[in-house]
C-alpha atoms as a PDB file:
ATOM      1  CA  UNK A   1      21.672  11.351   0.944  1.00  0.00           C
ATOM      2  CA  UNK A   2      18.893  10.854  -1.584  1.00  0.00           C
ATOM      3  CA  UNK A   3      18.673   7.370  -3.021  1.00  0.00           C
ATOM      4  CA  UNK A   4      16.349   6.539  -5.882  1.00  0.00           C
ATOM      5  CA  UNK A   5      14.156   3.462  -5.537  1.00  0.00           C
ATOM      6  CA  UNK A   6      15.749   1.763  -8.523  1.00  0.00           C
ATOM      7  CA  UNK A   7      19.144   2.056  -6.784  1.00  0.00           C
ATOM      8  CA  UNK A   8      17.991   0.055  -3.740  1.00  0.00           C
ATOM      9  CA  UNK A   9      19.063  -3.572  -3.556  1.00  0.00           C
ATOM     10  CA  UNK A  10      15.818  -5.592  -3.549  1.00  0.00           C
ATOM     11  CA  UNK A  11      17.209  -8.467  -1.480  1.00  0.00           C
ATOM     12  CA  UNK A  12      18.667  -6.156   1.173  1.00  0.00           C
ATOM     13  CA  UNK A  13      15.423  -4.184   1.365  1.00  0.00           C
ATOM     14  CA  UNK A  14      13.416  -7.411   1.710  1.00  0.00           C
ATOM     15  CA  UNK A  15      15.759  -8.634   4.467  1.00  0.00           C
ATOM     16  CA  UNK A  16      15.368  -5.334   6.313  1.00  0.00           C
ATOM     17  CA  UNK A  17      11.565  -5.607   6.147  1.00  0.00           C
ATOM     18  CA  UNK A  18      11.665  -9.236   7.351  1.00  0.00           C
ATOM     19  CA  UNK A  19      13.796  -8.215  10.334  1.00  0.00           C
ATOM     20  CA  UNK A  20      11.433  -5.338  11.121  1.00  0.00           C
ATOM     21  CA  UNK A  21       8.435  -7.720  11.003  1.00  0.00           C
ATOM     22  CA  UNK A  22       9.933  -9.508  13.995  1.00  0.00           C
ATOM     23  CA  UNK A  23      10.081  -6.242  15.927  1.00  0.00           C
ATOM     24  CA  UNK A  24       6.764  -4.533  15.141  1.00  0.00           C
ATOM     25  CA  UNK A  25       3.078  -5.407  14.951  1.00  0.00           C
ATOM     26  CA  UNK A  26       2.566  -3.223  11.889  1.00  0.00           C
ATOM     27  CA  UNK A  27       4.889  -1.715   9.310  1.00  0.00           C
ATOM     28  CA  UNK A  28       3.417   0.870   6.986  1.00  0.00           C
ATOM     29  CA  UNK A  29       5.245   1.605   3.770  1.00  0.00           C
ATOM     30  CA  UNK A  30       4.097   4.402   1.504  1.00  0.00           C
ATOM     31  CA  UNK A  31       4.697   4.217  -2.202  1.00  0.00           C
ATOM     32  CA  UNK A  32       4.312   7.361  -4.242  1.00  0.00           C
ATOM     33  CA  UNK A  33       1.600   7.498  -6.860  1.00  0.00           C
ATOM     34  CA  UNK A  34       2.627   5.848 -10.074  1.00  0.00           C
ATOM     35  CA  UNK A  35       3.892   2.449 -11.032  1.00  0.00           C
ATOM     36  CA  UNK A  36       7.634   2.862 -10.668  1.00  0.00           C
ATOM     37  CA  UNK A  37      10.479   1.083  -8.919  1.00  0.00           C
ATOM     38  CA  UNK A  38       9.369   2.436  -5.538  1.00  0.00           C
ATOM     39  CA  UNK A  39       5.902   0.993  -5.992  1.00  0.00           C
ATOM     40  CA  UNK A  40       7.247  -2.410  -7.030  1.00  0.00           C
ATOM     41  CA  UNK A  41       9.772  -2.519  -4.178  1.00  0.00           C
ATOM     42  CA  UNK A  42       7.118  -1.638  -1.627  1.00  0.00           C
ATOM     43  CA  UNK A  43       4.411  -3.925  -3.033  1.00  0.00           C
ATOM     44  CA  UNK A  44       6.657  -6.971  -3.350  1.00  0.00           C
ATOM     45  CA  UNK A  45       7.434  -6.752   0.389  1.00  0.00           C
ATOM     46  CA  UNK A  46       3.885  -6.097   1.578  1.00  0.00           C
ATOM     47  CA  UNK A  47       1.630  -8.665   3.220  1.00  0.00           C
ATOM     48  CA  UNK A  48      -1.435  -6.437   2.835  1.00  0.00           C
ATOM     49  CA  UNK A  49      -1.927  -3.537   0.455  1.00  0.00           C
ATOM     50  CA  UNK A  50      -4.169  -0.508   0.808  1.00  0.00           C
ATOM     51  CA  UNK A  51      -4.801   1.404  -2.362  1.00  0.00           C
ATOM     52  CA  UNK A  52      -5.627   4.958  -1.386  1.00  0.00           C
ATOM     53  CA  UNK A  53      -7.370   7.045  -3.985  1.00  0.00           C
ATOM     54  CA  UNK A  54      -9.071  10.370  -4.242  1.00  0.00           C
ATOM     55  CA  UNK A  55     -12.610  10.324  -5.575  1.00  0.00           C
ATOM     56  CA  UNK A  56     -11.988  12.028  -8.921  1.00  0.00           C
ATOM     57  CA  UNK A  57     -12.391   9.897 -12.075  1.00  0.00           C
ATOM     58  CA  UNK A  58      -8.683   9.865 -13.040  1.00  0.00           C
ATOM     59  CA  UNK A  59      -7.610   8.735  -9.562  1.00  0.00           C
ATOM     60  CA  UNK A  60     -10.252   6.017  -9.493  1.00  0.00           C
ATOM     61  CA  UNK A  61      -9.089   4.682 -12.877  1.00  0.00           C
ATOM     62  CA  UNK A  62      -5.499   4.688 -11.594  1.00  0.00           C
ATOM     63  CA  UNK A  63      -6.633   2.712  -8.551  1.00  0.00           C
ATOM     64  CA  UNK A  64      -8.125   0.109 -10.878  1.00  0.00           C
ATOM     65  CA  UNK A  65      -4.875  -0.122 -12.852  1.00  0.00           C
ATOM     66  CA  UNK A  66      -2.943  -0.442  -9.605  1.00  0.00           C
ATOM     67  CA  UNK A  67      -5.230  -3.305  -8.548  1.00  0.00           C
ATOM     68  CA  UNK A  68      -4.540  -5.091 -11.845  1.00  0.00           C
ATOM     69  CA  UNK A  69      -0.785  -4.770 -11.387  1.00  0.00           C
ATOM     70  CA  UNK A  70      -1.027  -6.007  -7.796  1.00  0.00           C
ATOM     71  CA  UNK A  71      -2.978  -9.038  -9.022  1.00  0.00           C
ATOM     72  CA  UNK A  72      -0.190  -9.779 -11.506  1.00  0.00           C
ATOM     73  CA  UNK A  73       2.256  -9.587  -8.594  1.00  0.00           C
ATOM     74  CA  UNK A  74       0.170 -12.178  -6.730  1.00  0.00           C
ATOM     75  CA  UNK A  75      -1.158  -9.770  -4.123  1.00  0.00           C
ATOM     76  CA  UNK A  76      -4.570 -10.927  -2.926  1.00  0.00           C
ATOM     77  CA  UNK A  77      -5.094  -8.979   0.307  1.00  0.00           C
ATOM     78  CA  UNK A  78      -5.775  -5.583  -1.258  1.00  0.00           C
ATOM     79  CA  UNK A  79      -8.291  -3.072   0.098  1.00  0.00           C
ATOM     80  CA  UNK A  80      -9.462   0.389  -0.934  1.00  0.00           C
ATOM     81  CA  UNK A  81      -9.450   3.647   1.021  1.00  0.00           C
ATOM     82  CA  UNK A  82     -11.202   6.585  -0.610  1.00  0.00           C
ATOM     83  CA  UNK A  83      -9.553   9.792   0.568  1.00  0.00           C
ATOM     84  CA  UNK A  84     -10.613  13.443   0.596  1.00  0.00           C
ATOM     85  CA  UNK A  85     -14.265  12.694  -0.063  1.00  0.00           C
ATOM     86  CA  UNK A  86     -16.591  15.646  -0.422  1.00  0.00           C
ATOM     87  CA  UNK A  87     -20.282  14.894  -0.071  1.00  0.00           C
ATOM     88  CA  UNK A  88     -21.064  17.935  -2.232  1.00  0.00           C
ATOM     89  CA  UNK A  89     -18.680  16.818  -4.991  1.00  0.00           C
ATOM     90  CA  UNK A  90     -20.109  13.292  -4.944  1.00  0.00           C
ATOM     91  CA  UNK A  91     -23.610  14.715  -5.297  1.00  0.00           C
ATOM     92  CA  UNK A  92     -22.580  17.049  -8.128  1.00  0.00           C
ATOM     93  CA  UNK A  93     -20.877  14.216 -10.032  1.00  0.00           C
ATOM     94  CA  UNK A  94     -23.689  11.757  -9.204  1.00  0.00           C
ATOM     95  CA  UNK A  95     -21.089   9.368  -7.802  1.00  0.00           C
ATOM     96  CA  UNK A  96     -21.335   7.044  -4.823  1.00  0.00           C
ATOM     97  CA  UNK A  97     -18.715   5.147  -2.866  1.00  0.00           C
ATOM     98  CA  UNK A  98     -20.119   1.984  -4.482  1.00  0.00           C
ATOM     99  CA  UNK A  99     -19.266   3.473  -7.886  1.00  0.00           C
ATOM    100  CA  UNK A 100     -15.695   4.062  -6.735  1.00  0.00           C
ATOM    101  CA  UNK A 101     -15.428   0.481  -5.454  1.00  0.00           C
ATOM    102  CA  UNK A 102     -16.833  -0.899  -8.712  1.00  0.00           C
ATOM    103  CA  UNK A 103     -14.453   1.119 -10.882  1.00  0.00           C
ATOM    104  CA  UNK A 104     -11.407   0.294  -8.758  1.00  0.00           C
ATOM    105  CA  UNK A 105     -12.513  -3.332  -8.393  1.00  0.00           C
ATOM    106  CA  UNK A 106     -11.548  -3.432  -4.726  1.00  0.00           C
ATOM    107  CA  UNK A 107     -13.320  -3.985  -1.414  1.00  0.00           C
ATOM    108  CA  UNK A 108     -13.578  -0.908   0.766  1.00  0.00           C
ATOM    109  CA  UNK A 109     -11.937  -0.571   4.160  1.00  0.00           C
ATOM    110  CA  UNK A 110     -12.564   3.131   4.711  1.00  0.00           C
ATOM    111  CA  UNK A 111     -13.676   6.528   3.498  1.00  0.00           C
ATOM    112  CA  UNK A 112     -11.889   9.660   4.681  1.00  0.00           C
ATOM    113  CA  UNK A 113     -13.651  12.994   4.203  1.00  0.00           C
ATOM    114  CA  UNK A 114     -12.031  16.206   3.037  1.00  0.00           C
ATOM    115  CA  UNK A 115     -11.028  17.891   6.285  1.00  0.00           C
ATOM    116  CA  UNK A 116      -9.103  21.128   6.837  1.00  0.00           C
ATOM    117  CA  UNK A 117      -7.828  19.721  10.125  1.00  0.00           C
ATOM    118  CA  UNK A 118      -5.520  17.401   8.172  1.00  0.00           C
ATOM    119  CA  UNK A 119      -3.769  20.441   6.691  1.00  0.00           C
ATOM    120  CA  UNK A 120      -3.592  22.127  10.107  1.00  0.00           C
ATOM    121  CA  UNK A 121      -2.127  19.035  11.751  1.00  0.00           C
ATOM    122  CA  UNK A 122       0.507  18.750   9.019  1.00  0.00           C
ATOM    123  CA  UNK A 123       1.331  22.457   9.224  1.00  0.00           C
ATOM    124  CA  UNK A 124       1.829  22.290  12.989  1.00  0.00           C
ATOM    125  CA  UNK A 125       3.487  18.871  12.964  1.00  0.00           C
ATOM    126  CA  UNK A 126       0.914  17.479  15.383  1.00  0.00           C
ATOM    127  CA  UNK A 127      -1.291  14.393  15.306  1.00  0.00           C
ATOM    128  CA  UNK A 128      -4.635  14.870  13.607  1.00  0.00           C
ATOM    129  CA  UNK A 129      -6.454  13.661  16.712  1.00  0.00           C
ATOM    130  CA  UNK A 130      -4.990  16.661  18.595  1.00  0.00           C
ATOM    131  CA  UNK A 131      -7.132  18.934  16.413  1.00  0.00           C
ATOM    132  CA  UNK A 132     -10.416  17.037  16.319  1.00  0.00           C
ATOM    133  CA  UNK A 133     -12.049  13.664  16.878  1.00  0.00           C
ATOM    134  CA  UNK A 134     -14.465  14.142  13.994  1.00  0.00           C
ATOM    135  CA  UNK A 135     -14.159  14.028  10.205  1.00  0.00           C
ATOM    136  CA  UNK A 136     -10.889  12.567   8.950  1.00  0.00           C
ATOM    137  CA  UNK A 137      -9.696  11.730  12.467  1.00  0.00           C
ATOM    138  CA  UNK A 138     -12.831   9.700  13.153  1.00  0.00           C
ATOM    139  CA  UNK A 139     -12.547   7.951   9.784  1.00  0.00           C
ATOM    140  CA  UNK A 140      -8.870   7.094  10.343  1.00  0.00           C
ATOM    141  CA  UNK A 141      -9.650   5.701  13.810  1.00  0.00           C
ATOM    142  CA  UNK A 142     -12.342   3.471  12.279  1.00  0.00           C
ATOM    143  CA  UNK A 143      -9.915   2.266   9.587  1.00  0.00           C
ATOM    144  CA  UNK A 144      -7.340   1.448  12.287  1.00  0.00           C
ATOM    145  CA  UNK A 145      -9.914  -0.624  14.186  1.00  0.00           C
ATOM    146  CA  UNK A 146     -10.807  -2.468  10.962  1.00  0.00           C
ATOM    147  CA  UNK A 147      -7.099  -3.206  10.381  1.00  0.00           C
ATOM    148  CA  UNK A 148      -7.075  -4.859  13.803  1.00  0.00           C
ATOM    149  CA  UNK A 149      -9.903  -7.110  12.642  1.00  0.00           C
ATOM    150  CA  UNK A 150     -12.760  -5.421  14.462  1.00  0.00           C
ATOM    151  CA  UNK A 151     -16.097  -5.260  12.699  1.00  0.00           C
ATOM    152  CA  UNK A 152     -16.802  -1.561  12.408  1.00  0.00           C
ATOM    153  CA  UNK A 153     -19.744  -0.719  10.146  1.00  0.00           C
ATOM    154  CA  UNK A 154     -18.947   1.741   7.416  1.00  0.00           C
ATOM    155  CA  UNK A 155     -21.379   4.587   7.074  1.00  0.00           C
ATOM    156  CA  UNK A 156     -20.298   7.509   4.968  1.00  0.00           C
ATOM    157  CA  UNK A 157     -22.670   9.713   6.929  1.00  0.00           C
ATOM    158  CA  UNK A 158     -20.803   9.014  10.169  1.00  0.00           C
ATOM    159  CA  UNK A 159     -17.679  10.783   8.897  1.00  0.00           C
ATOM    160  CA  UNK A 160     -19.190  14.060   7.774  1.00  0.00           C
END
């Protein structure tokens, strides 16, 4: 049964999330790109928000707009993850991760490189770490440690 986000009862959804918070250390909710009912429902029930963006100009601008909307919703614990980063593309566009952070207006928690192993893992239905411990897998592991509060230095050169 497919249910659209705008058909979900906000109070019931919030109660479900509150109950789940008592059962789990972390609950990850994924909202599709765009500012629709699904985004609002997810954001209003989130304690922390991670805006994940690709490194192209349109995506970065969208990340900035998302940050502004989250601020209006009173969300203050918002971090940025830059996904599918290509060193070559950054060099060609003369863009740095600092530029992405400045445009989005968010502090960075991680950078994930473009990695064909992500596609392979999805195609085979296996964890990314089963394919490699480098590239995107290494970056995701570092992000997970940062989520736990560990101080893991971020070096873009460590992930390539």
